[in-house]
C-alpha cells in the first residue's frame, strides 16, 4: 500500500513539474530568438497586395520580382476594420488580407499587424472611408487633444471603442490554418507614440492614459483567447535617444514581448544623419531589450521613393548590420510613395546585393525543414 502511494505521489509530482504547453505566441518568440542568431529578417508592408505597376495579382510581389524570394516578414494594417469597412485605409480588402496572411504563414513567413484606427471622437458612426476628408476623422486627426481620455472616461466614446475593439477581435478570429490552428502574429498597436501625429501621441495623452489604452486593448484580446499575439511596443527613432526616453510610456515587462523603433530617411542629404541616428538608437534599443528580455526590431524604416538608388547597401545595411535586431520592415510600395524595391527602379540591383548579404534573411532563409 505504501509503495502504491509512493508511485502515485511520484506521478503527481512529475505532472506538476512538467512544463505546460507553450502558447502560439511563446512558440513564435522562441522562433524569433533563434532566427535572431542567424541574421536580420527583411520585412515589407502590404508586399503581396500591390506594387508600382500592379495590383492584387496572385503570387506577385515587388520584392520577389526583384530578388526571387518573398520577404521573411510581411506587414499589414487593420485601419478601417473598426468601422466595419470591407477594405482597410489603404484599400486592401480584409478578406484578401486574411488569405495572404495564411499564405505567408504556410510558406514559413512571419506576419506583423499594425492598427491605425480612426478618431473615435471626430468620426461619425457609419461614416467609414466614404466622404471623409483626410485627415478628418482618421488616426492623424488630432483636432481633439484628449481622445484617449475620452475613450477611458466618456461613456459614449468608451462604448463606441469597445465595439471597435470587438471588430479587431473578430478579424483576428479569421487567422487560422485549414485545420483550425491559430496563426502567430506580431501585433504592434499604438506605435510611434513618442510623436504627436496620431491621436494617441505623447502630447495628446498622459503616460497613465497611454498605458491604460494599451492595457484595455490587450486585456480585451487576451480575454477573447488570443494567445497567438506577440505584443510589440514601438515608439519612433529620436535624436539622442536614452533608455529612459525609450521606456517613457512602456506598459511593462508583463505586457510587452518585443521592443521596436520606427525611423525613416526622407532625402539623400540625410544619409549620414540617418546612419548615425539609427546606430545610436539601435545601441540603446538592443541594450534595453536585453535588460528586459525582449526581442528588438526596427519595426518601420525606409527611404521615400528611393531617390538614393544604392540606399540598401550604402546606408541601410551599414546602419543595422552590427546590431542583433530581429527584423527591419520597409513600408509599402505605392504608385506615388514607395519604400521597397521594384524592377522598374534603379535601386533593384542594389537590393539584390542586400538580399545576398549574409546578414539578411528572407522567406527561404527562415523556412523550417
Protein backbone atom coordinates (compact mmCIF):
# COMPACT_ATOMS: atom_id res chain seq x y z
CA UNK A 1 0.00 0.00 0.00
CA UNK A 2 2.84 2.34 0.87
CA UNK A 3 4.60 1.51 -2.41
CA UNK A 4 1.46 2.28 -4.39
CA UNK A 5 1.08 5.60 -2.59
CA UNK A 6 4.69 6.45 -3.33
CA UNK A 7 4.22 5.71 -7.02
CA UNK A 8 1.08 7.83 -7.09
CA UNK A 9 2.84 10.68 -5.33
CA UNK A 10 5.72 10.46 -7.78
CA UNK A 11 3.32 10.62 -10.71
CA UNK A 12 1.60 13.70 -9.27
CA UNK A 13 4.94 15.40 -8.69
CA UNK A 14 6.06 14.59 -12.23
CA UNK A 15 2.86 16.05 -13.69
CA UNK A 16 3.21 19.17 -11.55
CA UNK A 17 6.78 19.74 -12.67
CA UNK A 18 6.04 19.10 -16.32
CA UNK A 19 6.08 22.26 -18.38
CA UNK A 20 2.72 23.49 -19.59
CA UNK A 21 2.35 23.52 -23.39
CA UNK A 22 3.68 26.72 -24.90
CA UNK A 23 1.22 29.18 -26.37
CA UNK A 24 1.38 30.05 -30.06
CA UNK A 25 2.89 33.42 -29.09
CA UNK A 26 5.57 31.75 -26.99
CA UNK A 27 6.42 29.44 -29.88
CA UNK A 28 6.85 32.47 -32.15
CA UNK A 29 9.04 34.18 -29.56
CA UNK A 30 11.26 31.11 -29.40
CA UNK A 31 11.50 31.14 -33.17
CA UNK A 32 12.31 34.86 -33.27
CA UNK A 33 15.02 34.33 -30.68
CA UNK A 34 16.55 31.51 -32.72
CA UNK A 35 16.38 33.42 -36.02
CA UNK A 36 17.91 36.46 -34.35
CA UNK A 37 21.11 34.47 -34.06
CA UNK A 38 21.18 33.91 -37.84
CA UNK A 39 20.67 37.43 -39.14
CA UNK A 40 18.22 40.27 -39.69
CA UNK A 41 14.93 39.38 -41.33
CA UNK A 42 13.68 41.71 -44.07
CA UNK A 43 10.06 42.80 -43.97
CA UNK A 44 7.79 44.74 -46.34
CA UNK A 45 4.37 46.29 -45.76
CA UNK A 46 1.49 45.08 -47.98
CA UNK A 47 4.03 43.14 -50.05
CA UNK A 48 1.66 40.73 -51.88
CA UNK A 49 -1.14 43.26 -52.32
CA UNK A 50 0.17 45.79 -54.84
CA UNK A 51 3.37 47.29 -56.25
CA UNK A 52 4.47 50.11 -58.50
CA UNK A 53 2.99 48.61 -61.68
CA UNK A 54 0.40 46.07 -60.49
CA UNK A 55 -2.46 45.49 -58.05
CA UNK A 56 -3.82 42.29 -56.49
CA UNK A 57 -2.19 39.82 -58.85
CA UNK A 58 -1.95 36.34 -57.38
CA UNK A 59 1.53 35.33 -56.16
CA UNK A 60 3.01 38.71 -57.09
CA UNK A 61 5.43 40.78 -55.04
CA UNK A 62 7.81 43.58 -55.95
CA UNK A 63 10.37 42.06 -53.60
CA UNK A 64 10.06 38.60 -55.16
CA UNK A 65 10.14 40.07 -58.65
CA UNK A 66 13.48 41.73 -57.85
CA UNK A 67 15.31 39.03 -55.89
CA UNK A 68 13.34 35.83 -56.46
CA UNK A 69 12.22 35.49 -52.85
CA UNK A 70 9.47 36.80 -50.59
CA UNK A 71 10.23 38.92 -47.52
CA UNK A 72 10.62 36.98 -44.29
CA UNK A 73 8.20 39.39 -42.61
CA UNK A 74 5.02 40.79 -44.13
CA UNK A 75 3.20 43.71 -42.55
CA UNK A 76 -0.50 44.57 -42.84
CA UNK A 77 -2.69 47.23 -41.25
CA UNK A 78 -6.15 46.94 -39.70
CA UNK A 79 -7.13 50.60 -40.03
CA UNK A 80 -10.78 50.65 -41.11
CA UNK A 81 -11.76 47.34 -39.52
CA UNK A 82 -13.16 49.32 -36.60
CA UNK A 83 -15.74 50.91 -38.90
CA UNK A 84 -16.89 47.61 -40.33
CA UNK A 85 -15.35 48.56 -43.68
CA UNK A 86 -14.68 45.90 -46.31
CA UNK A 87 -11.28 47.47 -47.12
CA UNK A 88 -8.60 48.99 -44.90
CA UNK A 89 -7.35 52.57 -45.01
CA UNK A 90 -5.08 51.66 -47.96
CA UNK A 91 -7.95 50.00 -49.87
CA UNK A 92 -6.82 46.44 -49.09
CA UNK A 93 -9.82 44.06 -48.79
CA UNK A 94 -9.78 42.41 -45.38
CA UNK A 95 -10.75 39.08 -46.91
CA UNK A 96 -7.68 39.28 -49.16
CA UNK A 97 -5.58 40.23 -46.15
CA UNK A 98 -6.66 37.08 -44.35
CA UNK A 99 -5.82 34.98 -47.43
CA UNK A 100 -2.34 36.48 -47.77
CA UNK A 101 -1.59 36.13 -44.05
CA UNK A 102 -2.48 32.45 -44.20
CA UNK A 103 -0.43 32.02 -47.40
CA UNK A 104 2.64 33.67 -45.88
CA UNK A 105 2.34 31.57 -42.75
CA UNK A 106 2.14 28.44 -44.87
CA UNK A 107 5.35 29.36 -46.75
CA UNK A 108 7.11 29.73 -43.42
CA UNK A 109 6.95 33.51 -43.17
CA UNK A 110 6.07 35.72 -40.22
CA UNK A 111 3.28 38.32 -40.07
CA UNK A 112 3.05 41.64 -38.23
CA UNK A 113 -0.13 43.72 -37.84
CA UNK A 114 -0.45 47.41 -37.06
CA UNK A 115 -3.68 49.32 -36.46
CA UNK A 116 -4.36 52.93 -37.42
CA UNK A 117 -7.90 53.28 -36.04
CA UNK A 118 -9.95 56.30 -36.93
CA UNK A 119 -10.52 59.02 -34.36
CA UNK A 120 -13.49 57.79 -32.28
CA UNK A 121 -14.38 61.32 -31.21
CA UNK A 122 -14.44 63.05 -34.61
CA UNK A 123 -15.58 60.11 -36.75
CA UNK A 124 -19.30 59.78 -37.33
CA UNK A 125 -20.70 56.29 -36.83
CA UNK A 126 -21.30 54.57 -40.15
CA UNK A 127 -19.09 57.02 -42.00
CA UNK A 128 -16.45 54.52 -42.96
CA UNK A 129 -13.98 55.80 -45.51
CA UNK A 130 -16.69 57.29 -47.70
CA UNK A 131 -16.86 61.06 -47.79
CA UNK A 132 -14.15 61.55 -45.19
CA UNK A 133 -11.61 64.22 -45.98
CA UNK A 134 -8.07 63.37 -44.89
CA UNK A 135 -7.12 63.73 -42.10
CA UNK A 136 -10.59 64.48 -40.72
CA UNK A 137 -11.66 61.53 -38.60
CA UNK A 138 -8.52 59.47 -39.32
CA UNK A 139 -5.77 58.31 -36.98
CA UNK A 140 -3.94 61.52 -37.95
CA UNK A 141 -6.81 63.73 -36.82
CA UNK A 142 -5.53 65.43 -33.66
CA UNK A 143 -8.04 68.29 -33.62
CA UNK A 144 -9.37 66.89 -30.34
CA UNK A 145 -6.43 66.77 -27.96
CA UNK A 146 -7.89 64.38 -25.37
CA UNK A 147 -9.23 61.47 -27.42
CA UNK A 148 -7.59 58.83 -25.21
CA UNK A 149 -9.01 60.43 -22.08
CA UNK A 150 -12.48 60.39 -23.62
CA UNK A 151 -12.12 56.71 -24.56
CA UNK A 152 -11.32 55.98 -20.93
CA UNK A 153 -13.83 58.26 -19.20
CA UNK A 154 -16.63 59.29 -21.57
CA UNK A 155 -19.29 56.56 -21.53
CA UNK A 156 -20.42 57.12 -25.12
CA UNK A 157 -16.90 57.18 -26.59
CA UNK A 158 -15.90 54.24 -24.41
CA UNK A 159 -18.85 52.19 -25.62
CA UNK A 160 -18.06 53.04 -29.24
CA UNK A 161 -14.44 51.99 -28.79
CA UNK A 162 -15.49 48.73 -27.17
CA UNK A 163 -17.30 47.95 -30.41
CA UNK A 164 -14.21 48.89 -32.41
CA UNK A 165 -12.05 46.52 -30.39
CA UNK A 166 -14.59 43.75 -30.94
CA UNK A 167 -14.20 44.17 -34.70
CA UNK A 168 -10.43 43.76 -34.33
CA UNK A 169 -11.11 40.62 -32.33
CA UNK A 170 -13.49 39.32 -34.99
CA UNK A 171 -10.83 39.81 -37.68
CA UNK A 172 -8.16 38.02 -35.63
CA UNK A 173 -10.54 35.05 -35.41
CA UNK A 174 -10.14 34.58 -39.19
CA UNK A 175 -6.40 34.00 -38.90
CA UNK A 176 -6.38 30.22 -38.71
CA UNK A 177 -4.98 27.40 -40.78
CA UNK A 178 -7.24 24.91 -42.56
CA UNK A 179 -7.06 22.62 -39.52
CA UNK A 180 -8.01 25.41 -37.12
CA UNK A 181 -4.59 26.30 -35.74
CA UNK A 182 -4.12 29.96 -34.77
CA UNK A 183 -1.56 31.84 -36.83
CA UNK A 184 1.07 33.67 -34.75
CA UNK A 185 1.15 37.43 -35.23
CA UNK A 186 3.42 40.26 -34.10
CA UNK A 187 0.86 42.86 -33.03
CA UNK A 188 2.05 46.50 -32.95
CA UNK A 189 -0.71 48.85 -31.76
CA UNK A 190 -0.34 52.48 -30.64
CA UNK A 191 3.03 52.83 -32.39
CA UNK A 192 5.13 55.98 -32.84
CA UNK A 193 3.60 57.27 -29.61
CA UNK A 194 6.71 59.38 -28.96
CA UNK A 195 5.45 61.74 -31.67
CA UNK A 196 2.14 63.55 -31.76
CA UNK A 197 0.83 62.95 -35.28
CA UNK A 198 -1.56 60.21 -34.12
CA UNK A 199 -4.36 60.84 -31.63
CA UNK A 200 -2.56 58.58 -29.10
CA UNK A 201 0.70 60.59 -29.34
CA UNK A 202 2.59 61.84 -26.30
CA UNK A 203 1.28 65.43 -26.37
CA UNK A 204 -2.29 64.16 -26.62
CA UNK A 205 -2.43 61.86 -23.61
CA UNK A 206 -0.62 61.36 -20.31
CA UNK A 207 1.67 58.41 -19.62
CA UNK A 208 -1.02 56.85 -17.45
CA UNK A 209 -3.69 57.34 -20.12
CA UNK A 210 -1.50 55.78 -22.81
CA UNK A 211 -0.80 52.73 -20.65
CA UNK A 212 -4.49 52.40 -19.82
CA UNK A 213 -5.31 52.44 -23.55
CA UNK A 214 -2.71 49.74 -24.21
CA UNK A 215 -3.98 47.63 -21.30
CA UNK A 216 -7.62 47.96 -22.36
CA UNK A 217 -6.92 46.60 -25.85
CA UNK A 218 -4.58 43.89 -24.60
CA UNK A 219 -6.96 42.77 -21.85
CA UNK A 220 -9.82 42.60 -24.34
CA UNK A 221 -7.92 40.45 -26.85
CA UNK A 222 -6.43 38.25 -24.12
CA UNK A 223 -9.89 37.67 -22.66
CA UNK A 224 -11.07 36.66 -26.13
CA UNK A 225 -8.45 33.92 -26.16
CA UNK A 226 -5.78 35.34 -28.48
CA UNK A 227 -2.68 33.68 -27.09
CA UNK A 228 -1.11 33.93 -30.56
CA UNK A 229 -0.15 37.63 -30.32
CA UNK A 230 3.40 38.83 -29.72
CA UNK A 231 2.97 42.39 -28.44
CA UNK A 232 5.39 44.96 -29.84
CA UNK A 233 5.91 48.36 -28.21
CA UNK A 234 7.31 50.64 -30.92
CA UNK A 235 7.89 54.37 -30.43
CA UNK A 236 9.80 56.40 -33.01
CA UNK A 237 13.52 56.92 -33.54
CA UNK A 238 14.77 60.10 -31.87
CA UNK A 239 17.91 62.21 -31.78
CA UNK A 240 19.97 61.34 -28.70
CA UNK A 241 17.67 58.54 -27.58
CA UNK A 242 18.13 57.37 -23.98
CA UNK A 243 16.87 54.28 -22.19
CA UNK A 244 14.67 56.47 -20.01
CA UNK A 245 13.14 58.15 -23.04
CA UNK A 246 12.59 54.83 -24.82
CA UNK A 247 10.74 53.44 -21.81
CA UNK A 248 8.81 56.63 -21.07
CA UNK A 249 5.41 55.03 -21.83
CA UNK A 250 6.45 51.40 -21.71
CA UNK A 251 3.46 49.33 -20.50
CA UNK A 252 5.62 46.88 -18.50
CA UNK A 253 7.53 43.63 -18.86
CA UNK A 254 4.36 41.63 -18.23
CA UNK A 255 2.65 43.29 -21.20
CA UNK A 256 5.35 43.58 -23.89
CA UNK A 257 7.26 40.91 -25.83
CA UNK A 258 9.08 42.94 -28.47
CA UNK A 259 10.70 46.38 -28.40
CA UNK A 260 10.85 48.28 -31.68
CA UNK A 261 11.61 51.65 -33.23
CA UNK A 262 10.26 53.33 -36.36
CA UNK A 263 12.67 55.54 -38.29
CA UNK A 264 12.92 56.78 -41.90
CA UNK A 265 15.27 58.66 -44.22
CA UNK A 266 13.41 61.13 -46.41
CA UNK A 267 16.05 62.69 -48.70
CA UNK A 268 19.60 61.74 -49.84
CA UNK A 269 21.07 64.64 -47.87
CA UNK A 270 20.07 62.90 -44.64
CA UNK A 271 22.22 59.81 -45.35
CA UNK A 272 24.91 60.44 -42.73
CA UNK A 273 22.36 61.60 -40.17
CA UNK A 274 20.22 58.52 -40.78
CA UNK A 275 23.16 56.17 -40.27
CA UNK A 276 24.36 57.98 -37.15
CA UNK A 277 20.92 58.25 -35.57
CA UNK A 278 19.94 54.67 -36.43
CA UNK A 279 23.14 53.27 -34.94
CA UNK A 280 22.76 55.35 -31.78
CA UNK A 281 19.10 54.41 -31.42
CA UNK A 282 19.71 50.70 -32.06
CA UNK A 283 22.50 50.69 -29.47
CA UNK A 284 20.03 51.89 -26.85
CA UNK A 285 17.25 49.65 -28.17
CA UNK A 286 19.32 46.48 -28.00
CA UNK A 287 20.67 47.27 -24.54
CA UNK A 288 17.21 47.93 -23.15
CA UNK A 289 15.73 44.90 -24.90
CA UNK A 290 18.41 42.66 -23.41
CA UNK A 291 17.84 44.07 -19.92
CA UNK A 292 14.09 43.44 -20.19
CA UNK A 293 14.31 40.10 -22.02
CA UNK A 294 12.62 41.49 -25.13
CA UNK A 295 13.16 40.92 -28.86
CA UNK A 296 14.48 44.12 -30.55
CA UNK A 297 13.46 45.18 -34.06
CA UNK A 298 13.47 48.14 -36.46
CA UNK A 299 9.72 47.91 -36.89
CA UNK A 300 9.45 50.53 -39.66
CA UNK A 301 12.07 52.09 -41.88
CA UNK A 302 12.78 53.08 -45.46
CA UNK A 303 13.73 55.85 -47.84
CA UNK A 304 10.86 57.57 -49.58
CA UNK A 305 10.82 56.87 -53.35
CA UNK A 306 14.41 55.59 -53.30
CA UNK A 307 15.95 58.82 -54.59
CA UNK A 308 19.28 57.36 -53.46
CA UNK A 309 19.40 54.11 -55.52
CA UNK A 310 22.23 52.47 -53.57
CA UNK A 311 20.47 53.11 -50.24
CA UNK A 312 20.13 49.40 -49.49
CA UNK A 313 23.88 48.76 -49.40
CA UNK A 314 25.40 52.19 -48.76
CA UNK A 315 23.07 53.32 -45.99
CA UNK A 316 20.61 50.79 -44.57
CA UNK A 317 22.94 47.81 -44.25
CA UNK A 318 25.79 49.80 -42.65
CA UNK A 319 23.28 51.32 -40.22
CA UNK A 320 21.90 47.99 -38.95
CA UNK A 321 24.34 45.14 -39.63
CA UNK A 322 26.20 45.37 -36.32
CA UNK A 323 23.07 45.03 -34.21
CA UNK A 324 21.22 41.86 -33.10
CA UNK A 325 17.80 43.06 -34.20
CA UNK A 326 15.18 40.50 -35.21
CA UNK A 327 13.95 42.27 -38.32
CA UNK A 328 13.54 45.52 -40.19
CA UNK A 329 10.43 46.40 -42.16
CA UNK A 330 10.23 48.88 -45.03
CA UNK A 331 6.88 50.49 -45.72
CA UNK A 332 4.65 49.80 -48.71
CA UNK A 333 5.18 50.24 -52.44
CA UNK A 334 2.51 52.56 -53.75
CA UNK A 335 2.44 54.40 -57.07
CA UNK A 336 3.05 57.82 -55.51
CA UNK A 337 5.10 56.83 -52.48
CA UNK A 338 7.22 53.70 -52.19
CA UNK A 339 9.86 52.33 -49.84
CA UNK A 340 10.64 48.83 -51.13
CA UNK A 341 12.47 47.69 -54.27
CA UNK A 342 10.94 47.45 -57.74
CA UNK A 343 12.18 46.02 -61.04
CA UNK A 344 11.40 49.31 -62.78
CA UNK A 345 13.66 51.37 -60.49
CA UNK A 346 17.47 51.75 -60.39
CA UNK A 347 17.70 50.55 -56.79
CA UNK A 348 16.83 46.98 -57.85
CA UNK A 349 20.45 45.91 -58.44
CA UNK A 350 21.46 47.19 -55.01
CA UNK A 351 18.56 45.38 -53.39
CA UNK A 352 19.85 42.13 -54.90
CA UNK A 353 23.18 42.83 -53.19
CA UNK A 354 21.27 43.49 -49.97
CA UNK A 355 19.41 40.21 -50.45
CA UNK A 356 22.68 38.31 -50.97
CA UNK A 357 24.28 39.72 -47.82
CA UNK A 358 24.93 37.04 -45.18
CA UNK A 359 23.42 39.49 -42.68
CA UNK A 360 19.90 39.47 -44.19
CA UNK A 361 17.21 36.80 -44.05
CA UNK A 362 14.29 36.32 -46.44
CA UNK A 363 11.44 33.79 -46.62
CA UNK A 364 13.58 30.93 -47.94
CA UNK A 365 16.16 31.54 -45.20
CA UNK A 366 13.71 31.05 -42.35
CA UNK A 367 11.71 28.09 -43.62
CA UNK A 368 11.87 25.11 -41.31
CA UNK A 369 12.80 21.78 -42.93
